Structure formats: C-alpha cells, structure tokens
Protein backbone atom coordinates (compact mmCIF):
# COMPACT_ATOMS: atom_id res chain seq x y z
CA MET A 1 -35.30 25.04 -10.87
CA LEU A 2 -35.80 24.08 -7.30
CA GLU A 3 -33.44 21.13 -7.30
CA ILE A 4 -30.98 23.54 -8.90
CA ALA A 5 -31.40 25.91 -5.83
CA THR A 6 -31.01 23.33 -3.47
CA LYS A 7 -27.39 22.38 -4.77
CA VAL A 8 -26.42 25.93 -5.79
CA ASP A 9 -27.27 27.17 -1.91
CA GLN A 10 -25.67 24.04 -0.48
CA ASP A 11 -28.98 22.75 1.08
CA ASN A 12 -28.91 19.27 0.99
CA ASP A 13 -31.64 18.72 3.92
CA TYR A 14 -34.95 18.32 1.62
CA ALA A 15 -36.85 18.82 4.65
CA GLN A 16 -35.58 21.82 5.82
CA PHE A 17 -35.63 23.15 2.22
CA CYS A 18 -39.36 22.43 2.02
CA ARG A 19 -40.20 24.00 5.30
CA ASP A 20 -38.36 27.04 3.93
CA LEU A 21 -40.20 26.82 0.50
CA HIS A 22 -43.44 26.85 2.11
CA ASP A 23 -42.73 29.71 4.37
CA ARG A 24 -44.08 33.04 3.45
CA ASP A 25 -41.00 35.09 3.66
CA LYS A 26 -38.31 32.43 3.33
CA GLY A 27 -39.62 30.70 0.24
CA ARG A 28 -40.90 33.83 -1.84
CA ARG A 29 -37.83 34.32 -3.84
CA TYR A 30 -37.68 30.32 -4.47
CA ARG A 31 -41.27 30.30 -5.52
CA GLN A 32 -40.92 33.46 -7.58
CA LEU A 33 -37.90 31.84 -9.62
CA ALA A 34 -39.78 28.57 -9.97
CA GLY A 35 -43.44 30.17 -11.09
CA LEU A 36 -45.20 28.73 -8.24
CA HIS A 37 -48.07 30.44 -7.03
CA GLU A 38 -50.62 28.18 -5.52
CA HIS A 39 -49.57 24.44 -5.62
CA VAL A 40 -46.04 24.34 -3.54
CA PRO A 41 -44.43 20.88 -3.65
CA GLY A 42 -43.17 19.01 -0.76
CA GLU A 43 -40.42 16.04 -0.20
CA ASP A 44 -42.65 13.83 -1.92
CA ASP A 45 -43.38 15.79 -4.69
CA LEU A 46 -39.39 16.20 -5.37
CA CYS A 47 -38.81 12.51 -4.83
CA ASN A 48 -41.02 11.73 -7.46
CA PHE A 49 -39.98 13.90 -9.81
CA ARG A 50 -36.10 13.13 -9.39
CA TYR A 51 -37.53 9.45 -10.12
CA ARG A 52 -39.48 10.46 -13.01
CA ILE A 53 -37.18 12.68 -14.75
CA GLY A 54 -34.01 10.78 -14.36
CA ASP A 55 -30.37 12.21 -15.33
CA ALA A 56 -31.04 12.32 -19.47
CA VAL A 57 -32.87 15.58 -19.15
CA VAL A 58 -30.10 17.05 -16.67
CA ASP A 59 -27.45 15.85 -18.78
CA GLN A 60 -29.16 17.70 -21.67
CA ILE A 61 -29.53 21.06 -19.78
CA THR A 62 -25.92 20.91 -18.58
CA ALA A 63 -24.63 20.30 -22.60
CA VAL A 64 -26.92 23.29 -23.68
CA ALA A 65 -25.05 25.47 -20.65
CA VAL A 66 -21.59 24.08 -21.60
CA ASP A 67 -22.12 25.02 -25.47
CA PHE A 68 -23.30 28.34 -24.48
CA LEU A 69 -20.40 28.93 -22.19
CA TYR A 70 -18.01 27.62 -24.88
CA HIS A 71 -19.02 30.00 -27.43
CA PHE A 72 -19.28 32.77 -24.97
CA GLY A 73 -15.43 32.13 -24.08
CA LEU A 74 -15.51 31.12 -20.59
CA ILE A 75 -14.84 27.15 -21.49
CA LYS A 76 -12.02 27.27 -23.76
CA GLY A 77 -11.60 23.21 -24.24
CA ASP A 78 -8.00 23.35 -24.46
CA LEU A 79 -7.22 21.90 -21.09
CA LEU A 80 -9.42 19.02 -19.34
CA SER A 81 -9.27 17.11 -16.44
CA THR A 82 -10.94 13.98 -15.37
CA ASP A 83 -11.35 12.41 -12.10
CA GLY A 84 -13.69 9.71 -10.11
CA GLN A 85 -15.47 10.26 -7.11
CA LEU A 86 -16.75 7.14 -4.88
CA GLU A 87 -20.19 7.94 -3.03
CA ALA A 88 -21.57 5.40 -0.57
CA SER A 89 -24.84 3.86 -1.05
CA TYR A 90 -27.43 3.58 1.86
CA SER A 91 -27.08 -0.14 2.04
CA HIS A 92 -24.31 -2.45 3.78
CA TYR A 93 -21.88 -4.61 1.66
CA LYS A 94 -22.37 -8.16 2.81
CA GLY A 95 -19.31 -9.67 1.39
CA CYS A 96 -20.45 -10.99 -2.12
CA THR A 97 -19.61 -9.05 -5.18
CA TYR A 98 -21.57 -11.11 -7.57
CA ALA A 99 -25.14 -10.67 -6.01
CA CYS A 100 -28.12 -10.97 -8.22
CA GLN A 101 -31.81 -10.88 -8.05
CA GLY A 102 -31.55 -14.82 -8.01
CA CYS A 103 -30.26 -14.68 -4.43
CA LEU A 104 -33.51 -13.48 -3.06
CA GLY A 105 -34.66 -17.02 -3.63
CA PHE A 106 -33.27 -20.28 -5.00
CA ALA A 107 -34.84 -23.83 -5.09
CA LEU A 108 -32.86 -26.53 -3.62
CA SER A 109 -32.71 -29.98 -4.63
CA ASP A 110 -33.37 -33.12 -2.53
CA ALA A 111 -29.25 -33.88 -2.65
CA ASP A 112 -29.35 -30.47 -0.96
CA ARG A 113 -31.58 -31.01 1.73
CA GLN A 114 -30.11 -34.22 2.24
CA ALA A 115 -26.40 -32.69 2.46
CA LEU A 116 -27.70 -30.09 4.81
CA GLY A 117 -29.38 -32.78 7.21
CA GLU A 118 -25.99 -34.53 7.29
CA GLN A 119 -24.16 -31.55 8.31
CA LEU A 120 -26.43 -31.07 11.08
CA GLN A 121 -26.28 -34.63 12.36
CA SER A 122 -22.43 -34.39 12.09
CA GLY A 123 -22.74 -31.63 14.49
CA ALA A 124 -22.05 -28.62 12.36
CA LYS A 125 -23.52 -25.33 13.76
CA ARG A 126 -23.73 -23.52 10.41
CA LEU A 127 -25.10 -25.11 7.56
CA GLN A 128 -23.82 -24.18 4.00
CA LEU A 129 -23.87 -25.18 0.53
CA THR A 130 -22.02 -24.12 -2.35
CA CYS A 131 -23.24 -21.22 -4.46
CA PRO A 132 -26.05 -22.53 -6.82
CA PHE A 133 -25.09 -20.18 -9.57
CA PRO A 134 -22.19 -21.62 -11.84
CA GLU A 135 -20.87 -18.67 -13.24
CA VAL A 136 -20.39 -16.98 -9.71
CA VAL A 137 -18.66 -20.26 -8.66
CA ALA A 138 -16.23 -19.79 -11.96
CA LYS A 139 -15.23 -16.30 -11.06
CA VAL A 140 -14.48 -17.01 -7.40
CA ARG A 141 -12.53 -19.89 -8.30
CA GLU A 142 -10.56 -17.75 -10.93
CA VAL A 143 -9.66 -14.79 -8.33
CA THR A 144 -8.69 -17.18 -5.33
CA ALA A 145 -6.72 -19.39 -7.85
CA LYS A 146 -4.53 -16.38 -8.34
CA LYS A 147 -3.93 -16.20 -4.12
CA GLY A 148 -3.02 -19.73 -3.85
CA SER A 149 -5.69 -22.54 -4.44
CA PRO A 150 -9.07 -22.19 -5.88
CA LYS A 151 -12.13 -22.09 -3.51
CA ASP A 152 -15.95 -22.52 -3.98
CA PRO A 153 -18.16 -19.91 -2.68
CA LYS A 154 -20.37 -21.04 0.29
CA VAL A 155 -23.87 -19.80 0.92
CA ALA A 156 -24.57 -19.99 4.62
CA LEU A 157 -28.33 -21.10 5.17
CA LEU A 158 -28.82 -22.00 8.80
CA GLU A 159 -27.00 -21.48 12.00
CA ILE A 160 -27.95 -23.00 15.50
CA ASP A 161 -26.83 -23.40 18.92
CA THR A 162 -26.79 -26.76 20.73
CA VAL A 163 -28.36 -26.43 24.15
CA PRO A 164 -29.17 -28.62 26.88
CA GLU A 165 -32.60 -30.67 26.53
CA ASP A 166 -34.48 -28.41 29.06
CA LYS A 167 -33.65 -25.01 27.24
CA ALA A 168 -34.43 -26.28 23.76
CA SER A 169 -37.20 -25.05 21.72
CA THR A 170 -39.55 -27.53 20.84
CA GLU A 171 -40.95 -25.44 17.97
CA GLN A 172 -37.72 -24.35 16.45
CA ARG A 173 -36.82 -28.16 16.68
CA GLN A 174 -39.66 -29.32 14.84
CA HIS A 175 -39.12 -26.51 12.18
CA VAL A 176 -35.88 -27.54 11.55
CA ALA A 177 -36.99 -31.33 11.14
CA GLU A 178 -39.48 -30.01 8.42
CA LEU A 179 -37.13 -28.06 6.56
CA LEU A 180 -34.34 -30.76 6.24
CA GLY A 181 -36.76 -33.58 5.87
CA LEU A 182 -35.55 -35.43 9.31
CA ASP A 183 -37.47 -36.89 11.99
CA GLN A 184 -37.63 -34.57 15.20
CA GLN A 185 -35.66 -37.25 17.08
CA GLU A 186 -32.94 -37.05 14.79
CA VAL A 187 -32.23 -33.46 15.37
CA PRO A 188 -30.43 -32.38 18.38
CA PRO A 189 -31.50 -30.06 20.94
CA LEU A 190 -31.25 -26.68 19.62
CA ARG A 191 -31.99 -22.70 19.53
CA ILE A 192 -31.90 -21.26 15.92
CA LYS A 193 -29.57 -18.18 15.72
CA TRP A 194 -30.65 -17.46 11.93
CA CYS A 195 -32.41 -18.86 9.40
CA HIS A 196 -32.46 -18.33 5.41
CA LEU A 197 -34.35 -21.30 4.58
CA SER A 198 -38.35 -21.55 3.77
CA GLN A 199 -40.58 -23.88 2.57
CA THR A 200 -43.11 -23.43 -0.23
CA SER A 201 -47.06 -24.99 -0.19
CA THR A 202 -45.73 -27.77 -2.44
CA GLY A 203 -42.87 -28.64 0.25
CA GLU A 204 -40.19 -27.02 -1.97
CA LEU A 205 -36.98 -26.15 0.03
CA VAL A 206 -36.04 -22.60 -1.08
CA GLY A 207 -32.65 -20.57 -0.11
CA HIS A 208 -32.14 -17.28 0.63
CA CYS A 209 -28.29 -15.95 0.43
CA PRO A 210 -27.72 -13.91 3.50
CA LYS A 211 -24.80 -12.00 1.49
CA MET A 212 -27.28 -10.34 -0.96
CA PRO A 213 -27.50 -6.33 -0.11
CA SER A 214 -30.27 -4.16 -0.28
CA ASP A 215 -28.75 -2.31 -3.32
CA LEU A 216 -27.93 -4.61 -6.11
CA GLU A 217 -26.35 -2.10 -8.47
CA ALA A 218 -23.85 -0.62 -5.98
CA LYS A 219 -20.34 -2.60 -6.41
CA ILE A 220 -17.23 -1.82 -4.27
CA GLY A 221 -14.50 0.99 -5.10
CA VAL A 222 -11.14 1.71 -3.27
CA HIS A 223 -10.12 5.41 -2.93
CA VAL A 224 -7.51 7.08 -0.54
CA ASP A 225 -8.62 7.04 2.94
CA THR A 226 -8.88 10.74 3.95
CA LYS A 227 -8.32 10.48 7.32
CA ASN A 228 -5.41 8.06 6.83
CA PRO A 229 -3.66 8.97 3.18
CA ASP A 230 -1.45 6.21 3.35
CA GLN A 231 -4.25 3.43 3.47
CA LYS A 232 -6.91 2.61 1.06
CA GLU A 233 -10.82 2.74 1.91
CA ALA A 234 -13.25 0.57 0.30
CA VAL A 235 -16.44 2.14 -0.57
CA PHE A 236 -19.73 0.21 -1.48
CA GLY A 237 -21.70 2.33 -3.90
CA SER A 238 -21.59 4.13 -6.89
CA LEU A 239 -18.62 5.90 -9.11
CA HIS A 240 -19.01 9.57 -10.36
CA LEU A 241 -16.60 10.61 -13.26
CA LYS A 242 -16.52 14.27 -13.73
CA THR A 243 -14.62 16.65 -16.43
CA THR A 244 -13.34 20.07 -15.62
CA ASP A 245 -12.26 22.62 -18.03
CA PHE A 246 -9.51 24.72 -16.76
CA ASN A 247 -9.26 28.16 -18.44
CA PRO A 248 -5.59 29.42 -17.07
CA GLN A 249 -6.24 32.87 -18.69
CA LEU A 250 -9.14 33.67 -16.46
CA GLY A 251 -8.44 31.20 -13.47
CA LEU A 252 -11.47 29.42 -14.17
CA GLU A 253 -12.61 26.08 -13.56
CA LEU A 254 -16.02 24.86 -14.79
CA PRO A 255 -17.42 21.23 -14.76
CA LEU A 256 -18.25 19.91 -18.31
CA GLY A 257 -20.63 16.86 -17.14
CA ASN A 258 -20.88 13.74 -15.38
CA SER A 259 -21.03 10.10 -15.57
CA THR A 260 -22.30 7.54 -12.70
CA TYR A 261 -21.45 3.94 -13.07
CA PRO A 262 -21.36 1.23 -10.24
CA GLY A 263 -18.24 1.28 -8.09
CA HIS A 264 -15.32 -0.58 -8.92
CA MET A 265 -11.37 -0.62 -8.62
CA LYS A 266 -10.49 0.49 -12.40
CA GLU A 267 -12.33 3.62 -13.23
CA GLY A 268 -9.98 4.18 -16.17
CA THR A 269 -12.15 1.88 -18.50
CA GLU A 270 -14.96 3.96 -18.18
CA PHE A 271 -12.92 7.41 -19.56
CA ILE A 272 -13.77 6.82 -23.15
CA ALA A 273 -17.43 6.27 -22.65
CA HIS A 274 -17.55 9.65 -20.30
CA ARG A 275 -15.45 11.51 -22.64
CA SER A 276 -17.52 10.91 -25.49
CA LYS A 277 -20.94 12.21 -23.80
CA LEU A 278 -19.52 15.62 -23.19
CA ALA A 279 -20.54 18.78 -25.03
CA VAL A 280 -16.88 19.82 -25.59
CA PRO A 281 -15.45 17.37 -28.43
CA VAL A 282 -12.35 15.85 -28.73
CA ARG A 283 -9.91 17.95 -31.19
CA ALA A 284 -6.39 18.46 -32.23
CA GLY A 285 -3.97 19.91 -29.58
CA GLN A 286 -6.48 19.26 -26.66
CA LYS A 287 -4.69 18.54 -23.39
CA GLN A 288 -6.75 15.58 -21.23
CA LEU A 289 -5.24 15.36 -17.78
CA GLY A 290 -5.92 12.38 -15.47
CA ASP A 291 -4.27 10.28 -12.49
CA SER A 292 -2.86 6.77 -12.87
CA ALA A 293 -6.16 5.35 -13.04
CA TYR A 294 -6.58 6.27 -16.45
CA ASP A 295 -3.00 4.96 -17.69
CA ILE A 296 -4.65 2.43 -20.09
CA ILE A 297 -3.28 2.00 -23.50
CA ALA A 298 -6.88 2.11 -25.00
CA ASN A 299 -7.39 5.86 -23.69
CA TYR A 300 -3.87 6.85 -25.30
CA GLU A 301 -4.63 5.13 -28.31
CA TRP A 302 -8.42 6.99 -28.66
CA LEU A 303 -7.04 10.45 -27.80
CA ASN A 304 -4.10 10.20 -29.96
CA ASP A 305 -6.46 9.01 -33.15
CA ARG A 306 -8.54 12.37 -32.55
CA GLY A 307 -5.27 14.67 -32.16
CA ALA A 308 -5.57 14.88 -28.66
CA ILE A 309 -2.63 14.92 -26.07
CA ALA A 310 -2.91 12.49 -22.99
CA ILE A 311 -1.23 13.80 -19.71
CA PHE A 312 -1.90 10.66 -17.18
CA ASP A 313 0.13 10.02 -14.40
CA TYR A 314 2.11 6.67 -14.78
CA ASN A 315 0.97 3.52 -13.22
CA ARG A 316 3.81 1.47 -12.39
CA ARG A 317 1.57 -1.88 -11.49
CA ASN A 318 4.01 -4.64 -10.99
CA GLU A 319 6.82 -3.20 -12.69
CA HIS A 320 10.58 -3.38 -11.31
CA VAL A 321 11.89 0.11 -11.28
CA ASP A 322 15.22 -0.44 -9.56
CA GLU A 323 18.31 0.44 -11.77
CA THR A 324 19.49 -2.87 -12.83
CA SER A 325 15.92 -3.58 -14.09
CA LEU A 326 15.55 -0.04 -16.24
CA LEU A 327 18.92 -0.68 -17.47
CA ASN A 328 17.93 -4.24 -18.72
CA ARG A 329 14.82 -2.93 -20.40
CA GLY A 330 16.70 -0.21 -21.95
CA TYR A 331 14.41 2.83 -21.00
CA ASP A 332 13.70 4.34 -17.61
CA GLU A 333 10.35 5.14 -15.92
CA ASN A 334 9.66 8.05 -18.06
CA GLY A 335 10.32 6.29 -21.42
CA THR A 336 13.74 7.63 -21.74
CA PRO A 337 16.28 5.29 -23.54
CA TYR A 338 19.83 4.53 -21.95
CA ALA A 339 22.78 4.92 -24.50
CA PRO A 340 24.98 1.85 -24.76
CA CYS A 341 27.51 3.00 -22.45
CA GLY A 342 24.71 3.35 -19.66
CA ARG A 343 23.94 7.02 -19.50
CA LEU A 344 20.35 8.33 -19.92
CA CYS A 345 19.90 9.97 -23.36
CA HIS A 346 17.67 13.35 -23.89
CA SER A 347 15.01 14.12 -26.33
CA ASN A 348 15.62 15.62 -29.22
CA GLY A 349 12.12 16.54 -30.65
CA TYR A 350 9.14 14.82 -31.53
CA ASP A 351 7.93 14.21 -34.96
CA TYR A 352 4.22 14.42 -35.68
CA THR A 353 4.50 12.70 -39.06
CA SER A 354 5.69 9.54 -37.85
CA GLN A 355 4.39 9.94 -34.06
CA SER A 356 7.76 9.19 -32.67
CA ARG A 357 10.33 11.01 -30.39
CA GLN A 358 14.34 10.97 -31.02
CA TYR A 359 16.63 10.35 -28.23
CA VAL A 360 20.32 11.29 -28.43
CA CYS A 361 23.19 10.94 -25.81
CA GLY A 362 24.61 14.46 -26.80
CA LEU A 363 28.17 13.01 -26.44
CA GLN A 364 28.09 13.32 -22.37
CA CYS A 365 30.93 11.15 -22.20
CA PRO A 366 34.42 12.36 -21.34
CA PRO A 367 37.05 12.94 -24.17
CA GLU A 368 39.03 9.91 -23.45
CA GLU A 369 35.92 7.80 -23.43
CA GLN A 370 34.78 9.50 -26.76
CA LYS A 371 37.81 7.98 -28.42
CA ARG A 372 36.50 4.66 -27.95
CA CYS A 373 32.76 5.20 -28.47
CA PRO A 374 31.52 3.64 -31.93
CA HIS A 375 29.29 6.54 -32.01
CA ARG A 376 31.38 9.53 -31.72
CA TYR A 377 31.21 10.42 -35.44
CA GLY A 378 27.42 11.59 -35.04
CA VAL A 379 27.06 15.16 -34.43
CA LEU A 380 24.87 14.40 -31.37
CA GLY A 381 26.21 10.80 -30.75
CA TYR A 382 24.00 7.86 -30.18
CA CYS A 383 20.58 8.44 -31.61
CA HIS A 384 17.50 6.28 -30.91
CA ARG A 385 13.87 6.62 -31.92
CA MET A 386 10.75 5.40 -29.98
CA ARG A 387 7.64 5.19 -31.67
CA PHE A 388 4.13 6.08 -29.83
CA LYS A 389 2.79 2.73 -31.63
CA ASP A 390 5.38 0.79 -29.77
CA HIS A 391 5.22 2.75 -26.36
CA PRO A 392 1.78 4.58 -26.29
CA ARG A 393 1.88 5.16 -22.32
CA LEU A 394 5.41 6.62 -22.44
CA ILE A 395 5.45 8.35 -25.83
CA GLY A 396 3.68 11.51 -26.89
CA PRO A 397 4.13 15.33 -28.24
CA ILE A 398 5.11 16.33 -24.30
CA GLN A 399 7.66 14.28 -22.99
CA ARG A 400 6.86 12.48 -19.56
CA GLY A 401 8.81 13.58 -16.61
CA SER A 402 9.64 17.11 -18.28
CA LYS A 403 9.30 20.24 -16.59
CA ALA A 404 6.25 20.98 -19.55
CA TRP A 405 4.74 18.16 -18.70
CA HIS A 406 4.77 18.63 -14.97
CA ASP A 407 3.40 22.01 -15.12
CA LEU A 408 0.28 20.70 -17.09
CA TYR A 409 -0.11 17.93 -14.43
CA LYS A 410 -0.39 20.39 -11.87
CA ALA A 411 -3.55 21.54 -13.28
CA ARG A 412 -5.37 18.40 -12.56
CA SER A 413 -6.20 19.76 -8.94
CA ALA A 414 -8.94 21.35 -10.67
CA SER A 415 -10.96 17.91 -10.71
CA GLU A 416 -10.28 17.73 -7.26
CA ARG A 417 -11.38 20.94 -6.09
CA THR A 418 -14.40 20.03 -8.65
CA ASN A 419 -14.99 16.68 -6.72
CA SER A 420 -14.44 18.79 -3.02
CA TYR A 421 -17.45 20.91 -3.90
CA ASP A 422 -19.63 17.68 -4.07
CA GLN A 423 -18.30 16.47 -0.82
CA GLU A 424 -18.82 19.55 0.85
CA VAL A 425 -22.80 19.65 -0.56
CA VAL A 426 -22.99 15.85 0.58
CA ALA A 427 -21.38 16.39 4.05
CA LYS A 428 -23.37 19.56 4.76
CA ALA A 429 -26.59 18.71 6.82
CA HIS A 430 -27.37 15.16 6.18
CA PRO A 431 -26.23 13.19 3.49
CA LEU A 432 -28.81 11.88 1.23
CA ARG A 433 -29.83 7.95 1.97
CA MET A 434 -29.98 6.94 -1.60
CA ARG A 435 -29.97 3.36 -3.58
CA GLY A 436 -29.79 2.34 -6.85
CA LEU A 437 -27.57 3.65 -9.91
CA LYS A 438 -30.78 6.02 -10.97
CA ALA A 439 -31.01 7.85 -7.89
CA PHE A 440 -27.05 8.42 -7.94
CA ARG A 441 -26.97 9.46 -11.77
CA PHE A 442 -29.51 12.20 -10.93
CA ALA A 443 -27.54 13.23 -7.97
CA GLY A 444 -24.46 13.47 -9.81
CA ALA A 445 -25.99 15.05 -12.94
CA ILE A 446 -27.92 17.65 -10.88
CA ARG A 447 -24.65 18.71 -8.97
CA THR A 448 -22.81 19.03 -12.02
CA LEU A 449 -25.13 21.29 -13.36
CA ALA A 450 -25.49 23.44 -10.08
CA GLN A 451 -22.04 23.75 -9.90
CA LEU A 452 -21.33 24.84 -13.58
CA LEU A 453 -24.24 27.35 -12.74
CA ARG A 454 -22.74 28.68 -9.54
CA ARG A 455 -19.13 28.93 -10.73
CA ALA A 456 -20.05 30.87 -14.05
CA LEU A 457 -22.43 33.06 -12.56
CA ASN A 458 -20.40 34.01 -9.82
CA PHE A 459 -17.34 34.60 -12.23
CA VAL A 460 -19.86 37.17 -14.41
CA LEU A 461 -20.95 38.93 -11.54
CA ASP A 462 -17.36 39.57 -9.92
CA VAL A 463 -16.07 40.64 -13.20
CA THR A 464 -18.98 43.08 -13.56
CA TYR A 465 -18.64 44.50 -10.23
CA THR A 466 -15.08 44.95 -10.32
CA LEU A 467 -15.64 46.72 -13.87
CA GLY A 468 -18.47 48.85 -12.88
CA LYS A 469 -16.39 50.41 -9.92
CA GLU A 470 -15.46 53.90 -10.50
CA PRO A 471 -11.57 54.41 -10.77
CA LEU A 472 -9.85 55.97 -7.67
CA ALA A 473 -9.54 59.89 -8.01
CA ARG A 474 -5.70 60.39 -8.46
CA THR A 475 -4.35 62.84 -5.80
C-alpha cells in the first residue's frame, strides 16, 4: 500500500515520504490506509520489502486489476500499443559489453607474467594482455571484422609514468618487480598511475579487468536524445516494455503490464515474451501498435497466427528506397506493386481465407496506351496478388500506408504518454539509485500498477462527479 502510494502521489523521495509517514498529521491518512498503528516502517524497511517481494507479486496484482477493469468495461482490448523505455543504472559503463563475474579476478600464467615484463622493459607505459575469455574474444573479433579488420579485446592491467631516479618511488618499483617476477634493477624508475594486478599468498598473479562496471546486469541501449532529437543517446541500464490499452470511446489509456530486460538495441525481440504475460489475451481482430523496433517477421507471424493485426512502423534498415531500386524489386515501401507499365497499382481488397491482398492497375493509362496494353481486356486491367506468407512485414488486413493505417498508428502516442508518466515520476525529486535487474523490475512493475490505479480511479471519480451534478435550471 505504501509503495503504491509513493507512485500514485508522485513522491519518489523515500526519505521525505518516510518523514511524512512518521509525522502525526501528514502521515495519518497513509497509516490508516496501510493499517499501521504502532510499528511504522522506515526507509530500510521499505528497501528490504522491495528486495524480498520482487516484481512477481506486483505483476499478479496488476493482472487481477486489469482483469477486473476488462470485465468492468474500461479496458476493451481492441487497440493496444507497446513501447520501450530505457532507464539508466546507477553505474558507469566502462567500455566492455561482455563483462561478467569472472572479470573480478582471473589467474595469469607464467607466460602472461613474462609478456607483461617484456612490455615494461621495452618502454611501454600501459601493460595489457588479450582478454582471457575465448568466447568474448570471438564475439569482439566478429563485430570488429564487420567494420574492417578483426581485433582482439585487450585488458589493461598496469599503467605507469617514467620519472627521474630521484623522484621514483622505491616501494612502487619493488612492488612492480615482485608482480612481474623481475629484479628491481630491471624495472625503470617509475610511479604507478593505477594497477589492476595482485598476488595471492601462493605467489599466483591475478588480474582484475578495469572495464567491469558495478552493475553487471545492465547493458547498453539507444534511444532518441531528448535534448537533440536528431541524435541518438546511449543509455547503460535496463529496458522497460509497457503495453497500453486505448479505449477511443472513453478516451481512456490504461497500462496493462510491464516487463523489464537488460538494455539492448533490439527491443522488438522481447515483444512476444512480454505480450504473452499480459492479462488481456491476444484475440482475433485485435490491433497491436508499435514503432519500427517491433518490425520483425517473428512478431508479425506470432500475431497473425492468433488472428491479431500488427500495425508496426516500417524499418527500412539498409534497403534502397530510390525510384529505380523500387521499380527493380517490383513494389514500393508500402508493399504496393507496380504494373508492367511502371504505374503504381492500388488495393482491390484483402482475402482473409488465403491471407493475401489483390492489387489492380485500374487501367490508369490513356486510351492510346490502353490499346497496346496486353491487360486491357480485364475489367480492372493488370492484377497481382501478394501473400502474407511471402511479405509478412508489408501485407495484412489493413493496407500499409493507407489512411486507415495511419489513423490507427496515431494511437501509438498512448504508449508515449504512459512512458512519460514514469519519466515524470523518476525526474520528480531525486531519481532512485538502482543497480541490478531485480531492482529495476520491481520499480517498473510498481509504477505500472500505480499508474493503472491512478488513471482508472481518476476516470471513475470524474465521471461520478460529472453525472452527479444537478442539471442547470432552464430559463
């Protein structure tokens, strides 16, 4: 109850909330609703509660609330929109996407020790080795090969500054000699800038990767920079996926659920798992909206198999969309084919049985040209059929690029408003300093539940107040 209250009242500062909770007057209503009499919790109690309960229980409560509102009629389940939101972790990204627990400490062989010693004696100021994890090396080489030449990831373990003999530190010089198995005379006068090497009691050399962040579960994601919409901004943190139900008759937008994943650049790959867990089922005729991140063949096929209709913005990727390229492939960016004369066809209806759309030219050419057209004997001229099976991203019951398609896609802004609510809650007062997927999952789940209750109850209260007002006396 208290956790929901902090989000419903947009009070994200737990310290201030707990002070109000303990106050005789300010916290009286909170204490009454939560059933608190003697033992009033503090910040530590709420923190332990969040860690203990996790997001699963909150998701169950959200599912019950959604099911109730669905049968009550506020949630229709006809028009749904899904969008992602990146939230930064209270941790700095240090340059390695593949950091793991093993980066905390890994044993170095005698050959590694010798290689570091040779680098030092050759005059190198930064001593480094190839990453000790073969799977990480393989991934980095694969990625860098696409950009030119493959490179091995390096782990920097020691950095020094060479200084005059009178300014050198004897202790640091001796420490480096012990680590690298060298005589002190073989080590030049130096000052250690930083060191990620240590030695066990048995003399074994252990390395610690400096690129390991404090939050190993956070990953890099990219979204549009709010300060510069023309640029992309990288965010090291977690990704929240939220689905919003839009009820056009009531003008009501209610969130249905939240899923949280490590941040990444392909949020659309998580759509099926996220959509499957929501209390509102996928059913025939249901329209699912999403931006170009969800323009993935698997998402179209999954929704189509259940009778739903996908309205996803088209992701051009590396396709050439100039006029010549479109004519060569035979259809434009909306999937509308060209007639043999080069004119664009138009839709002649969708066949649900064969899951295909028929296109016709409609004899658009002048009478003189029609006399030479081999398709002039058809009532509608040239005909061409395109199947969903062959073009799942382009062909569907609602023609991509049509007025009906654009009118439906405009409703996707409901998801953006849902995410904006969370951003306002996070930005108000001080953002929570969170690390780890468990903390982000609870935060995303409790915010979604609070927003669902806030919007639904505000609607009920507004309608009750409006209908309860006495009509004005006629003059």
